[in-house]
Amino acid sequence: MDRIRELRIDKGLTQRAMADYLGITNQAYSNYENGAREPSHDTLVKLADYFNVTVDYILGRADNTDEPEEENENIKVALFGGEGEVTDEMWDEVKRFAEFVKLREKERHGKS
C-alpha cells in the first residue's frame, strides 16, 4: 500500500515504529507496505486515525486526506446541538473520547 508508506515517510517514522504502534511484527507491517498482505478493517481504521486521514484515502479510493466535511458537520450538530462554534480543540477531544471508548470495549471483550 503505497499510501501508508508515503504517510509513514512523511512523518519520519520507521516501519518498526509503525509495527510497534499497531502491535504487530515488523514483517507483518512490511507486508502491508509491499502489498503482500492486506490490513484488517481495524488496522485500517487505526492507521487512518493515526495519520488523520480517511480509510478511503489509504485504500486509494479518495485523493483527499480529510474526513468528509458534511459527515463531520452532521456529527457536530448531533453532539453539540448546532449551537455555537465547535472549535478544532473540541472536535479533537470528541475523536479522542471515541477512540478511548473503542479501546475500552475491546478490553472488556478480551480483545487487544
Protein backbone atom coordinates (compact mmCIF):
# COMPACT_ATOMS: atom_id res chain seq x y z
CA MET A 1 0.00 0.00 0.00
CA ASP A 2 1.85 2.99 -1.30
CA ARG A 3 -0.16 5.47 0.73
CA ILE A 4 0.76 4.09 4.13
CA ARG A 5 4.40 4.08 3.06
CA GLU A 6 4.10 7.72 1.95
CA LEU A 7 2.31 8.74 5.15
CA ARG A 8 4.88 6.96 7.30
CA ILE A 9 7.83 8.52 5.48
CA ASP A 10 6.22 11.98 5.59
CA LYS A 11 6.05 11.64 9.39
CA GLY A 12 9.67 10.47 9.54
CA LEU A 13 8.72 7.12 11.06
CA THR A 14 10.31 3.71 10.63
CA GLN A 15 8.44 0.54 9.78
CA ARG A 16 9.41 -0.71 13.25
CA ALA A 17 7.73 2.31 14.88
CA MET A 18 4.53 1.67 12.94
CA ALA A 19 4.60 -2.04 13.74
CA ASP A 20 5.03 -1.25 17.43
CA TYR A 21 2.14 1.23 17.31
CA LEU A 22 -0.11 -1.36 15.67
CA GLY A 23 1.06 -4.15 17.97
CA ILE A 24 2.24 -6.35 15.11
CA THR A 25 5.58 -7.66 13.90
CA ASN A 26 7.83 -5.59 11.70
CA GLN A 27 7.43 -8.24 8.97
CA ALA A 28 3.63 -8.01 9.11
CA TYR A 29 3.78 -4.25 8.72
CA SER A 30 6.32 -4.54 5.90
CA ASN A 31 3.91 -6.91 4.16
CA TYR A 32 1.22 -4.20 4.25
CA GLU A 33 3.52 -1.70 2.58
CA ASN A 34 4.76 -4.06 -0.13
CA GLY A 35 1.27 -5.40 -0.88
CA ALA A 36 1.93 -8.97 0.24
CA ARG A 37 -0.80 -8.69 2.88
CA GLU A 38 -3.90 -6.53 3.35
CA PRO A 39 -4.50 -4.83 6.71
CA SER A 40 -7.67 -5.76 8.58
CA HIS A 41 -10.52 -3.28 8.89
CA ASP A 42 -9.48 -2.46 12.46
CA THR A 43 -5.89 -1.89 11.36
CA LEU A 44 -7.01 0.39 8.53
CA VAL A 45 -9.07 2.44 10.97
CA LYS A 46 -6.16 2.65 13.39
CA LEU A 47 -3.84 3.81 10.59
CA ALA A 48 -6.37 6.36 9.37
CA ASP A 49 -6.82 7.72 12.88
CA TYR A 50 -3.07 7.86 13.46
CA PHE A 51 -2.36 9.73 10.24
CA ASN A 52 -5.57 11.77 10.47
CA VAL A 53 -6.78 10.67 7.03
CA THR A 54 -9.73 8.63 5.82
CA VAL A 55 -9.64 4.89 5.22
CA ASP A 56 -10.68 5.65 1.65
CA TYR A 57 -7.53 7.74 1.26
CA ILE A 58 -5.34 4.88 2.50
CA LEU A 59 -7.08 2.46 0.12
CA GLY A 60 -6.60 4.83 -2.82
CA ARG A 61 -10.33 5.41 -3.22
CA ALA A 62 -10.04 9.14 -2.48
CA ASP A 63 -7.40 11.73 -3.18
CA ASN A 64 -8.49 13.95 -0.31
CA THR A 65 -6.99 13.13 3.08
CA ASP A 66 -9.72 14.95 5.01
CA GLU A 67 -12.73 13.41 6.67
CA PRO A 68 -15.91 14.15 4.72
CA GLU A 69 -16.91 17.62 5.90
CA GLU A 70 -20.68 17.06 5.58
CA GLU A 71 -20.47 13.97 7.80
CA ASN A 72 -18.42 15.88 10.35
CA GLU A 73 -20.93 18.72 10.39
CA ASN A 74 -23.80 16.29 10.99
CA ILE A 75 -21.91 14.72 13.89
CA LYS A 76 -21.11 18.12 15.37
CA VAL A 77 -24.77 19.15 15.22
CA ALA A 78 -25.81 15.87 16.86
CA LEU A 79 -23.25 16.21 19.65
CA PHE A 80 -23.38 19.93 20.29
CA GLY A 81 -26.93 20.76 19.23
CA GLY A 82 -25.81 23.10 16.48
CA GLU A 83 -25.36 25.90 19.00
CA GLY A 84 -22.18 27.93 18.91
CA GLU A 85 -18.92 27.22 17.21
CA VAL A 86 -17.28 23.84 17.60
CA THR A 87 -13.57 24.53 17.81
CA ASP A 88 -10.88 22.21 16.46
CA GLU A 89 -9.87 21.52 20.05
CA MET A 90 -13.44 20.45 20.93
CA TRP A 91 -13.65 18.23 17.85
CA ASP A 92 -10.27 16.62 18.59
CA GLU A 93 -11.43 15.87 22.14
CA VAL A 94 -14.55 14.14 20.78
CA LYS A 95 -12.40 11.99 18.50
CA ARG A 96 -10.04 11.09 21.37
CA PHE A 97 -13.00 10.12 23.53
CA ALA A 98 -14.41 7.93 20.74
CA GLU A 99 -11.04 6.17 20.46
CA PHE A 100 -11.00 5.67 24.24
CA VAL A 101 -14.47 4.10 24.14
CA LYS A 102 -13.45 1.75 21.31
CA LEU A 103 -10.36 0.62 23.22
CA ARG A 104 -12.32 0.16 26.43
CA GLU A 105 -14.86 -2.03 24.65
CA LYS A 106 -12.12 -4.16 23.13
CA GLU A 107 -10.62 -4.65 26.58
CA ARG A 108 -14.00 -5.56 28.06
CA HIS A 109 -14.42 -8.27 25.47
CA GLY A 110 -10.89 -9.59 25.85
CA LYS A 111 -9.65 -8.25 22.52
CA SER A 112 -6.47 -6.22 22.46
